[in-house]
């Protein structure tokens, strides 16, 4: 069975938007806040099979604890710890941790962090299943120009290792830029952006370059409801073989605050991959629903 790249759901979820990156709300100087999030996943075509008869849908359950403390007027430190288990017996539990610094300023905003994932499912190399240990160093910065424009840059570096086959070990890096318009007020914020990056693999035929552009809109129709929709147009070109892929993706996020301490998160993503290789096209999707309890 041919199995192209797996949809890296956990990583995509954590990186999708700053709105769900730290515990909900804000803290006063010297105070801290924390929450626990239960994550119920549904993966359609998890192994990204290219024929309908070989598609497998699986479920997963995750638990994440998030902590943040404001130590200066516009600075806070944060930390996450998580575990995820899958209904497929051959996929062992994965674990994660993240620590970082967040500066949610009125003019300058930035966030830097280190993220560690252990045994995370990955198809990023070789189109075959594996569980990898992944370390990511990432940062983003934005500047408010004339109060209505928000200009941003971001980048990350990733190292991925596989116990069962060192040929699949790899590093990846990418950089991006974005523009958001805040002239409509906080209730509606549209934006556009681009990213570009490379993955370098011990097995050189798996090296590739990837370009991505996206459009996004964030909408807060009520104080208790946050909505976000995003479309990404992604292309991937392999360096040492005649192979390329178009990988457009749509994502949707809804955050619903049902009480001062309880918020519900709904996250949906769908990917539609067209490959230059014959009979290698596929579609997959992921749905996440989970309550978030604030301390």
C-alpha atoms as a PDB file:
ATOM      1  CA  UNK A   1       0.000   0.000   0.000  1.00  0.00           C
ATOM      2  CA  UNK A   2       1.350   3.400  -0.943  1.00  0.00           C
ATOM      3  CA  UNK A   3       1.217   5.840   1.982  1.00  0.00           C
ATOM      4  CA  UNK A   4       2.288   9.430   1.261  1.00  0.00           C
ATOM      5  CA  UNK A   5       2.926  12.090   3.867  1.00  0.00           C
ATOM      6  CA  UNK A   6       0.837  11.881   7.029  1.00  0.00           C
ATOM      7  CA  UNK A   7      -1.028  14.983   8.136  1.00  0.00           C
ATOM      8  CA  UNK A   8       0.911  16.169  11.201  1.00  0.00           C
ATOM      9  CA  UNK A   9      -2.213  16.945  13.190  1.00  0.00           C
ATOM     10  CA  UNK A  10      -0.744  17.625  16.588  1.00  0.00           C
ATOM     11  CA  UNK A  11       1.882  20.019  15.289  1.00  0.00           C
ATOM     12  CA  UNK A  12      -0.567  21.775  13.005  1.00  0.00           C
ATOM     13  CA  UNK A  13      -2.985  22.240  15.865  1.00  0.00           C
ATOM     14  CA  UNK A  14      -0.372  23.813  18.116  1.00  0.00           C
ATOM     15  CA  UNK A  15       1.001  26.124  15.442  1.00  0.00           C
ATOM     16  CA  UNK A  16      -2.199  27.059  13.629  1.00  0.00           C
ATOM     17  CA  UNK A  17      -2.941  30.298  15.460  1.00  0.00           C
ATOM     18  CA  UNK A  18      -1.668  32.335  18.381  1.00  0.00           C
ATOM     19  CA  UNK A  19      -5.220  32.457  19.704  1.00  0.00           C
ATOM     20  CA  UNK A  20      -4.856  28.946  21.151  1.00  0.00           C
ATOM     21  CA  UNK A  21      -1.112  28.997  21.848  1.00  0.00           C
ATOM     22  CA  UNK A  22      -1.225  30.043  25.506  1.00  0.00           C
ATOM     23  CA  UNK A  23      -3.795  29.462  28.267  1.00  0.00           C
ATOM     24  CA  UNK A  24      -6.980  31.436  27.726  1.00  0.00           C
ATOM     25  CA  UNK A  25      -7.256  34.973  29.087  1.00  0.00           C
ATOM     26  CA  UNK A  26      -4.570  37.252  30.507  1.00  0.00           C
ATOM     27  CA  UNK A  27      -2.766  37.610  33.826  1.00  0.00           C
ATOM     28  CA  UNK A  28      -1.871  40.627  35.914  1.00  0.00           C
ATOM     29  CA  UNK A  29       1.754  41.370  36.729  1.00  0.00           C
ATOM     30  CA  UNK A  30       3.155  38.660  39.023  1.00  0.00           C
ATOM     31  CA  UNK A  31       0.137  36.371  38.570  1.00  0.00           C
ATOM     32  CA  UNK A  32      -0.160  33.095  36.691  1.00  0.00           C
ATOM     33  CA  UNK A  33      -2.921  31.144  34.950  1.00  0.00           C
ATOM     34  CA  UNK A  34      -3.259  27.593  33.689  1.00  0.00           C
ATOM     35  CA  UNK A  35      -5.703  25.260  32.014  1.00  0.00           C
ATOM     36  CA  UNK A  36      -6.190  21.622  31.055  1.00  0.00           C
ATOM     37  CA  UNK A  37      -7.483  20.662  27.619  1.00  0.00           C
ATOM     38  CA  UNK A  38      -9.006  17.318  26.667  1.00  0.00           C
ATOM     39  CA  UNK A  39      -8.620  16.571  22.939  1.00  0.00           C
ATOM     40  CA  UNK A  40     -10.855  14.142  21.016  1.00  0.00           C
ATOM     41  CA  UNK A  41      -9.498  13.515  17.494  1.00  0.00           C
ATOM     42  CA  UNK A  42     -11.008  11.921  14.410  1.00  0.00           C
ATOM     43  CA  UNK A  43      -8.612  11.287  11.500  1.00  0.00           C
ATOM     44  CA  UNK A  44     -10.095  10.436   8.102  1.00  0.00           C
ATOM     45  CA  UNK A  45      -7.670   8.520   5.869  1.00  0.00           C
ATOM     46  CA  UNK A  46      -4.968   8.759   8.546  1.00  0.00           C
ATOM     47  CA  UNK A  47      -2.358   6.885   6.458  1.00  0.00           C
ATOM     48  CA  UNK A  48      -3.240   8.959   3.384  1.00  0.00           C
ATOM     49  CA  UNK A  49      -3.918   5.978   1.153  1.00  0.00           C
ATOM     50  CA  UNK A  50      -4.328   6.728  -2.554  1.00  0.00           C
ATOM     51  CA  UNK A  51      -7.116   4.160  -3.149  1.00  0.00           C
ATOM     52  CA  UNK A  52     -10.455   4.219  -1.334  1.00  0.00           C
ATOM     53  CA  UNK A  53     -10.365   0.539  -0.358  1.00  0.00           C
ATOM     54  CA  UNK A  54      -7.202   1.020   1.702  1.00  0.00           C
ATOM     55  CA  UNK A  55      -8.284   4.105   3.645  1.00  0.00           C
ATOM     56  CA  UNK A  56      -8.241   3.843   7.446  1.00  0.00           C
ATOM     57  CA  UNK A  57     -10.024   6.188   9.843  1.00  0.00           C
ATOM     58  CA  UNK A  58      -8.748   6.241  13.421  1.00  0.00           C
ATOM     59  CA  UNK A  59      -9.417   8.117  16.636  1.00  0.00           C
ATOM     60  CA  UNK A  60      -7.068   9.613  19.203  1.00  0.00           C
ATOM     61  CA  UNK A  61      -7.338  11.049  22.697  1.00  0.00           C
ATOM     62  CA  UNK A  62      -5.092  13.800  24.017  1.00  0.00           C
ATOM     63  CA  UNK A  63      -4.573  15.643  27.280  1.00  0.00           C
ATOM     64  CA  UNK A  64      -2.624  18.888  27.570  1.00  0.00           C
ATOM     65  CA  UNK A  65      -1.698  21.122  30.504  1.00  0.00           C
ATOM     66  CA  UNK A  66      -0.737  24.756  29.801  1.00  0.00           C
ATOM     67  CA  UNK A  67       0.733  27.329  32.171  1.00  0.00           C
ATOM     68  CA  UNK A  68       1.663  31.005  31.813  1.00  0.00           C
ATOM     69  CA  UNK A  69       2.959  33.661  34.220  1.00  0.00           C
ATOM     70  CA  UNK A  70       3.236  37.429  33.679  1.00  0.00           C
ATOM     71  CA  UNK A  71       6.618  38.515  35.080  1.00  0.00           C
ATOM     72  CA  UNK A  72       6.726  41.956  33.429  1.00  0.00           C
ATOM     73  CA  UNK A  73       4.001  44.309  32.231  1.00  0.00           C
ATOM     74  CA  UNK A  74       4.108  42.965  28.657  1.00  0.00           C
ATOM     75  CA  UNK A  75       6.045  39.714  29.071  1.00  0.00           C
ATOM     76  CA  UNK A  76       5.052  36.230  30.157  1.00  0.00           C
ATOM     77  CA  UNK A  77       6.645  32.812  30.220  1.00  0.00           C
ATOM     78  CA  UNK A  78       4.637  29.729  29.279  1.00  0.00           C
ATOM     79  CA  UNK A  79       4.976  25.955  29.367  1.00  0.00           C
ATOM     80  CA  UNK A  80       2.950  23.048  27.977  1.00  0.00           C
ATOM     81  CA  UNK A  81       2.947  19.294  28.647  1.00  0.00           C
ATOM     82  CA  UNK A  82       0.872  16.814  26.648  1.00  0.00           C
ATOM     83  CA  UNK A  83       0.188  13.154  25.910  1.00  0.00           C
ATOM     84  CA  UNK A  84      -1.733  11.613  22.996  1.00  0.00           C
ATOM     85  CA  UNK A  85      -2.914   8.047  22.481  1.00  0.00           C
ATOM     86  CA  UNK A  86      -4.253   6.493  19.264  1.00  0.00           C
ATOM     87  CA  UNK A  87      -6.866   3.814  18.616  1.00  0.00           C
ATOM     88  CA  UNK A  88      -4.479   2.026  16.220  1.00  0.00           C
ATOM     89  CA  UNK A  89      -2.575  -0.488  18.379  1.00  0.00           C
ATOM     90  CA  UNK A  90       0.724  -0.174  16.507  1.00  0.00           C
ATOM     91  CA  UNK A  91       0.893   3.572  17.187  1.00  0.00           C
ATOM     92  CA  UNK A  92       2.350   4.038  20.656  1.00  0.00           C
ATOM     93  CA  UNK A  93       1.569   7.042  22.844  1.00  0.00           C
ATOM     94  CA  UNK A  94       3.265  10.310  21.970  1.00  0.00           C
ATOM     95  CA  UNK A  95       4.412  12.954  24.459  1.00  0.00           C
ATOM     96  CA  UNK A  96       5.175  16.638  24.131  1.00  0.00           C
ATOM     97  CA  UNK A  97       6.542  19.629  26.031  1.00  0.00           C
ATOM     98  CA  UNK A  98       6.976  23.296  25.165  1.00  0.00           C
ATOM     99  CA  UNK A  99       8.545  26.292  26.932  1.00  0.00           C
ATOM    100  CA  UNK A 100       8.710  29.836  25.682  1.00  0.00           C
ATOM    101  CA  UNK A 101       8.412  33.586  26.073  1.00  0.00           C
ATOM    102  CA  UNK A 102       5.425  35.631  24.920  1.00  0.00           C
ATOM    103  CA  UNK A 103       5.306  39.428  24.515  1.00  0.00           C
ATOM    104  CA  UNK A 104       1.709  40.498  23.672  1.00  0.00           C
ATOM    105  CA  UNK A 105       2.524  44.206  23.409  1.00  0.00           C
ATOM    106  CA  UNK A 106       0.345  46.897  21.882  1.00  0.00           C
ATOM    107  CA  UNK A 107       2.904  47.844  19.179  1.00  0.00           C
ATOM    108  CA  UNK A 108       5.551  45.108  19.235  1.00  0.00           C
ATOM    109  CA  UNK A 109       4.506  41.474  19.678  1.00  0.00           C
ATOM    110  CA  UNK A 110       6.749  38.426  19.680  1.00  0.00           C
ATOM    111  CA  UNK A 111       6.816  34.825  20.795  1.00  0.00           C
ATOM    112  CA  UNK A 112       9.713  32.340  20.919  1.00  0.00           C
ATOM    113  CA  UNK A 113       9.653  28.749  22.129  1.00  0.00           C
ATOM    114  CA  UNK A 114      11.257  25.322  22.081  1.00  0.00           C
ATOM    115  CA  UNK A 115       8.984  22.343  21.430  1.00  0.00           C
ATOM    116  CA  UNK A 116       9.852  18.665  21.956  1.00  0.00           C
ATOM    117  CA  UNK A 117       7.721  15.787  20.601  1.00  0.00           C
ATOM    118  CA  UNK A 118       8.470  12.148  21.430  1.00  0.00           C
ATOM    119  CA  UNK A 119       7.096   9.205  19.384  1.00  0.00           C
ATOM    120  CA  UNK A 120       4.976  11.516  17.240  1.00  0.00           C
ATOM    121  CA  UNK A 121       3.505   9.808  14.117  1.00  0.00           C
ATOM    122  CA  UNK A 122       5.256  11.040  10.972  1.00  0.00           C
ATOM    123  CA  UNK A 123       5.291  10.298   7.246  1.00  0.00           C
ATOM    124  CA  UNK A 124       7.535  13.253   6.410  1.00  0.00           C
ATOM    125  CA  UNK A 125      10.220  11.016   4.890  1.00  0.00           C
ATOM    126  CA  UNK A 126       9.932   8.071   2.533  1.00  0.00           C
ATOM    127  CA  UNK A 127       6.121   7.954   2.420  1.00  0.00           C
ATOM    128  CA  UNK A 128       6.171   5.241   5.059  1.00  0.00           C
ATOM    129  CA  UNK A 129       4.924   5.244   8.623  1.00  0.00           C
ATOM    130  CA  UNK A 130       7.249   5.966  11.514  1.00  0.00           C
ATOM    131  CA  UNK A 131       7.279   7.595  14.932  1.00  0.00           C
ATOM    132  CA  UNK A 132       9.839  10.335  15.345  1.00  0.00           C
ATOM    133  CA  UNK A 133      11.328  12.490  18.070  1.00  0.00           C
ATOM    134  CA  UNK A 134      11.058  16.085  16.883  1.00  0.00           C
ATOM    135  CA  UNK A 135      12.678  19.214  18.339  1.00  0.00           C
ATOM    136  CA  UNK A 136      11.490  22.601  17.061  1.00  0.00           C
ATOM    137  CA  UNK A 137      12.842  26.082  17.758  1.00  0.00           C
ATOM    138  CA  UNK A 138      10.404  28.737  16.532  1.00  0.00           C
ATOM    139  CA  UNK A 139       9.802  32.459  16.757  1.00  0.00           C
ATOM    140  CA  UNK A 140       7.482  35.135  15.409  1.00  0.00           C
ATOM    141  CA  UNK A 141       7.425  38.925  15.548  1.00  0.00           C
ATOM    142  CA  UNK A 142       4.840  41.521  14.494  1.00  0.00           C
ATOM    143  CA  UNK A 143       4.696  45.305  14.417  1.00  0.00           C
ATOM    144  CA  UNK A 144       1.596  47.527  14.444  1.00  0.00           C
ATOM    145  CA  UNK A 145       1.944  50.174  11.744  1.00  0.00           C
ATOM    146  CA  UNK A 146      -0.391  53.182  12.022  1.00  0.00           C
ATOM    147  CA  UNK A 147      -2.556  51.079  14.360  1.00  0.00           C
ATOM    148  CA  UNK A 148      -4.441  49.401  11.496  1.00  0.00           C
ATOM    149  CA  UNK A 149      -1.708  47.315   9.837  1.00  0.00           C
ATOM    150  CA  UNK A 150       0.082  44.430  11.549  1.00  0.00           C
ATOM    151  CA  UNK A 151       3.272  43.312   9.779  1.00  0.00           C
ATOM    152  CA  UNK A 152       4.764  40.006  10.830  1.00  0.00           C
ATOM    153  CA  UNK A 153       7.728  37.690  10.265  1.00  0.00           C
ATOM    154  CA  UNK A 154       8.235  34.160  11.543  1.00  0.00           C
ATOM    155  CA  UNK A 155      10.583  31.225  11.248  1.00  0.00           C
ATOM    156  CA  UNK A 156      11.470  27.874  12.723  1.00  0.00           C
ATOM    157  CA  UNK A 157      14.104  25.170  12.697  1.00  0.00           C
ATOM    158  CA  UNK A 158      13.253  21.495  13.204  1.00  0.00           C
ATOM    159  CA  UNK A 159      15.273  18.333  13.817  1.00  0.00           C
ATOM    160  CA  UNK A 160      13.613  14.923  13.436  1.00  0.00           C
ATOM    161  CA  UNK A 161      15.090  11.524  14.352  1.00  0.00           C
ATOM    162  CA  UNK A 162      13.790   7.976  13.838  1.00  0.00           C
ATOM    163  CA  UNK A 163      15.051   5.118  16.000  1.00  0.00           C
ATOM    164  CA  UNK A 164      14.325   2.425  13.417  1.00  0.00           C
ATOM    165  CA  UNK A 165      16.137   3.993  10.431  1.00  0.00           C
ATOM    166  CA  UNK A 166      18.728   6.768  10.620  1.00  0.00           C
ATOM    167  CA  UNK A 167      18.445   7.337   6.828  1.00  0.00           C
ATOM    168  CA  UNK A 168      15.173   9.109   7.587  1.00  0.00           C
ATOM    169  CA  UNK A 169      16.704  11.547  10.087  1.00  0.00           C
ATOM    170  CA  UNK A 170      16.325  15.092   8.819  1.00  0.00           C
ATOM    171  CA  UNK A 171      16.344  18.814   9.534  1.00  0.00           C
ATOM    172  CA  UNK A 172      13.951  21.447   8.209  1.00  0.00           C
ATOM    173  CA  UNK A 173      13.758  25.228   8.308  1.00  0.00           C
ATOM    174  CA  UNK A 174      11.369  27.832   6.973  1.00  0.00           C
ATOM    175  CA  UNK A 175      10.656  31.553   7.140  1.00  0.00           C
ATOM    176  CA  UNK A 176       7.527  33.557   6.462  1.00  0.00           C
ATOM    177  CA  UNK A 177       5.953  37.006   6.356  1.00  0.00           C
ATOM    178  CA  UNK A 178       2.389  38.213   6.882  1.00  0.00           C
ATOM    179  CA  UNK A 179       0.143  41.280   6.774  1.00  0.00           C
ATOM    180  CA  UNK A 180      -3.054  41.680   8.807  1.00  0.00           C
ATOM    181  CA  UNK A 181      -5.542  44.541   8.562  1.00  0.00           C
ATOM    182  CA  UNK A 182      -7.045  45.727  11.868  1.00  0.00           C
ATOM    183  CA  UNK A 183      -8.968  48.732  10.591  1.00  0.00           C
ATOM    184  CA  UNK A 184     -12.290  46.959  11.213  1.00  0.00           C
ATOM    185  CA  UNK A 185     -11.566  46.675  14.939  1.00  0.00           C
ATOM    186  CA  UNK A 186     -10.935  43.537  16.971  1.00  0.00           C
ATOM    187  CA  UNK A 187     -14.105  41.778  15.735  1.00  0.00           C
ATOM    188  CA  UNK A 188     -12.888  41.129  12.167  1.00  0.00           C
ATOM    189  CA  UNK A 189      -9.241  40.760  11.121  1.00  0.00           C
ATOM    190  CA  UNK A 190      -8.296  39.555   7.597  1.00  0.00           C
ATOM    191  CA  UNK A 191      -4.740  38.645   6.677  1.00  0.00           C
ATOM    192  CA  UNK A 192      -2.424  37.159   4.048  1.00  0.00           C
ATOM    193  CA  UNK A 193       1.008  35.564   4.252  1.00  0.00           C
ATOM    194  CA  UNK A 194       3.734  33.496   2.600  1.00  0.00           C
ATOM    195  CA  UNK A 195       6.214  30.887   3.817  1.00  0.00           C
ATOM    196  CA  UNK A 196       9.145  29.107   2.209  1.00  0.00           C
ATOM    197  CA  UNK A 197      11.416  26.362   3.483  1.00  0.00           C
ATOM    198  CA  UNK A 198      13.500  23.247   2.909  1.00  0.00           C
ATOM    199  CA  UNK A 199      13.831  19.767   4.401  1.00  0.00           C
ATOM    200  CA  UNK A 200      17.226  18.033   4.271  1.00  0.00           C
ATOM    201  CA  UNK A 201      17.171  14.246   4.782  1.00  0.00           C
ATOM    202  CA  UNK A 202      20.005  11.752   5.269  1.00  0.00           C
ATOM    203  CA  UNK A 203      18.518   9.928   2.269  1.00  0.00           C
ATOM    204  CA  UNK A 204      19.101  12.709  -0.270  1.00  0.00           C
ATOM    205  CA  UNK A 205      16.353  11.632  -2.707  1.00  0.00           C
ATOM    206  CA  UNK A 206      13.829  12.801  -0.074  1.00  0.00           C
ATOM    207  CA  UNK A 207      15.100  16.403   0.109  1.00  0.00           C
ATOM    208  CA  UNK A 208      12.476  18.960  -0.884  1.00  0.00           C
ATOM    209  CA  UNK A 209      11.650  22.663  -1.063  1.00  0.00           C
ATOM    210  CA  UNK A 210       8.202  23.901  -0.062  1.00  0.00           C
ATOM    211  CA  UNK A 211       6.379  27.188  -0.740  1.00  0.00           C
ATOM    212  CA  UNK A 212       3.133  28.218   0.910  1.00  0.00           C
ATOM    213  CA  UNK A 213       0.771  31.192   0.643  1.00  0.00           C
ATOM    214  CA  UNK A 214      -2.347  31.692   2.734  1.00  0.00           C
ATOM    215  CA  UNK A 215      -5.357  33.921   3.336  1.00  0.00           C
ATOM    216  CA  UNK A 216      -7.118  34.031   6.688  1.00  0.00           C
ATOM    217  CA  UNK A 217      -9.968  35.796   8.449  1.00  0.00           C
ATOM    218  CA  UNK A 218     -10.591  35.978  12.208  1.00  0.00           C
ATOM    219  CA  UNK A 219     -14.064  36.932  13.443  1.00  0.00           C
ATOM    220  CA  UNK A 220     -15.425  37.555  16.954  1.00  0.00           C
ATOM    221  CA  UNK A 221     -19.188  38.047  16.572  1.00  0.00           C
ATOM    222  CA  UNK A 222     -19.771  37.719  20.321  1.00  0.00           C
ATOM    223  CA  UNK A 223     -17.410  38.102  23.299  1.00  0.00           C
ATOM    224  CA  UNK A 224     -17.710  34.350  23.957  1.00  0.00           C
ATOM    225  CA  UNK A 225     -17.148  33.190  20.342  1.00  0.00           C
ATOM    226  CA  UNK A 226     -13.937  33.240  18.280  1.00  0.00           C
ATOM    227  CA  UNK A 227     -13.930  31.994  14.661  1.00  0.00           C
ATOM    228  CA  UNK A 228     -11.050  31.611  12.222  1.00  0.00           C
ATOM    229  CA  UNK A 229     -10.893  30.305   8.651  1.00  0.00           C
ATOM    230  CA  UNK A 230      -7.776  29.824   6.553  1.00  0.00           C
ATOM    231  CA  UNK A 231      -6.903  28.617   3.054  1.00  0.00           C
ATOM    232  CA  UNK A 232      -3.325  27.619   2.211  1.00  0.00           C
ATOM    233  CA  UNK A 233      -1.907  26.973  -1.245  1.00  0.00           C
ATOM    234  CA  UNK A 234       1.179  24.812  -0.784  1.00  0.00           C
ATOM    235  CA  UNK A 235       3.594  23.350  -3.343  1.00  0.00           C
ATOM    236  CA  UNK A 236       6.401  20.879  -2.710  1.00  0.00           C
ATOM    237  CA  UNK A 237       9.284  20.201  -5.114  1.00  0.00           C
ATOM    238  CA  UNK A 238      11.828  17.421  -4.539  1.00  0.00           C
ATOM    239  CA  UNK A 239      15.457  18.272  -5.131  1.00  0.00           C
ATOM    240  CA  UNK A 240      17.014  15.067  -6.495  1.00  0.00           C
ATOM    241  CA  UNK A 241      14.083  13.326  -8.193  1.00  0.00           C
ATOM    242  CA  UNK A 242      11.470  14.366 -10.753  1.00  0.00           C
ATOM    243  CA  UNK A 243       8.580  14.838  -8.343  1.00  0.00           C
ATOM    244  CA  UNK A 244       6.311  17.650  -7.156  1.00  0.00           C
ATOM    245  CA  UNK A 245       3.041  18.028  -5.267  1.00  0.00           C
ATOM    246  CA  UNK A 246       0.278  20.577  -4.853  1.00  0.00           C
ATOM    247  CA  UNK A 247      -1.067  20.433  -1.277  1.00  0.00           C
ATOM    248  CA  UNK A 248      -3.888  22.976  -0.715  1.00  0.00           C
ATOM    249  CA  UNK A 249      -5.404  22.961   2.756  1.00  0.00           C
ATOM    250  CA  UNK A 250      -8.352  24.541   4.539  1.00  0.00           C
ATOM    251  CA  UNK A 251      -8.610  24.940   8.318  1.00  0.00           C
ATOM    252  CA  UNK A 252     -11.387  26.147  10.586  1.00  0.00           C
ATOM    253  CA  UNK A 253     -11.201  26.999  14.299  1.00  0.00           C
ATOM    254  CA  UNK A 254     -14.016  27.827  16.695  1.00  0.00           C
ATOM    255  CA  UNK A 255     -13.474  28.694  20.357  1.00  0.00           C
ATOM    256  CA  UNK A 256     -16.682  28.858  22.408  1.00  0.00           C
ATOM    257  CA  UNK A 257     -16.593  30.144  25.983  1.00  0.00           C
ATOM    258  CA  UNK A 258     -19.541  28.573  27.802  1.00  0.00           C
ATOM    259  CA  UNK A 259     -18.565  29.775  31.304  1.00  0.00           C
ATOM    260  CA  UNK A 260     -15.735  31.793  32.927  1.00  0.00           C
ATOM    261  CA  UNK A 261     -13.714  28.580  33.377  1.00  0.00           C
ATOM    262  CA  UNK A 262     -14.892  26.371  30.505  1.00  0.00           C
ATOM    263  CA  UNK A 263     -14.131  26.877  26.802  1.00  0.00           C
ATOM    264  CA  UNK A 264     -14.807  24.463  23.930  1.00  0.00           C
ATOM    265  CA  UNK A 265     -12.401  24.159  21.009  1.00  0.00           C
ATOM    266  CA  UNK A 266     -13.403  22.859  17.565  1.00  0.00           C
ATOM    267  CA  UNK A 267     -10.667  22.442  14.961  1.00  0.00           C
ATOM    268  CA  UNK A 268     -11.109  21.038  11.436  1.00  0.00           C
ATOM    269  CA  UNK A 269      -8.495  20.655   8.685  1.00  0.00           C
ATOM    270  CA  UNK A 270      -8.707  19.138   5.219  1.00  0.00           C
ATOM    271  CA  UNK A 271      -5.855  18.524   2.763  1.00  0.00           C
ATOM    272  CA  UNK A 272      -6.144  17.672  -0.952  1.00  0.00           C
ATOM    273  CA  UNK A 273      -2.871  16.467  -2.480  1.00  0.00           C
ATOM    274  CA  UNK A 274      -2.147  16.212  -6.219  1.00  0.00           C
ATOM    275  CA  UNK A 275       1.144  14.517  -7.090  1.00  0.00           C
ATOM    276  CA  UNK A 276       3.120  14.399 -10.329  1.00  0.00           C
ATOM    277  CA  UNK A 277       3.502  10.673  -9.680  1.00  0.00           C
ATOM    278  CA  UNK A 278       0.823   8.469 -11.182  1.00  0.00           C
ATOM    279  CA  UNK A 279      -1.933   7.261  -8.822  1.00  0.00           C
ATOM    280  CA  UNK A 280      -0.499   9.185  -5.867  1.00  0.00           C
ATOM    281  CA  UNK A 281      -3.289  11.723  -5.229  1.00  0.00           C
ATOM    282  CA  UNK A 282      -5.180  11.606  -1.931  1.00  0.00           C
ATOM    283  CA  UNK A 283      -7.372  13.546   0.494  1.00  0.00           C
ATOM    284  CA  UNK A 284      -7.398  13.500   4.276  1.00  0.00           C
ATOM    285  CA  UNK A 285      -8.982  15.455   7.108  1.00  0.00           C
ATOM    286  CA  UNK A 286      -8.932  15.841  10.862  1.00  0.00           C
ATOM    287  CA  UNK A 287     -11.579  16.932  13.364  1.00  0.00           C
ATOM    288  CA  UNK A 288     -10.737  17.907  16.952  1.00  0.00           C
ATOM    289  CA  UNK A 289     -13.295  18.682  19.643  1.00  0.00           C
ATOM    290  CA  UNK A 290     -12.338  19.287  23.240  1.00  0.00           C
ATOM    291  CA  UNK A 291     -13.179  21.147  26.447  1.00  0.00           C
ATOM    292  CA  UNK A 292     -10.643  23.466  28.056  1.00  0.00           C
ATOM    293  CA  UNK A 293     -10.832  23.974  31.829  1.00  0.00           C
ATOM    294  CA  UNK A 294      -9.224  27.117  33.229  1.00  0.00           C
ATOM    295  CA  UNK A 295      -7.792  27.197  36.749  1.00  0.00           C
END
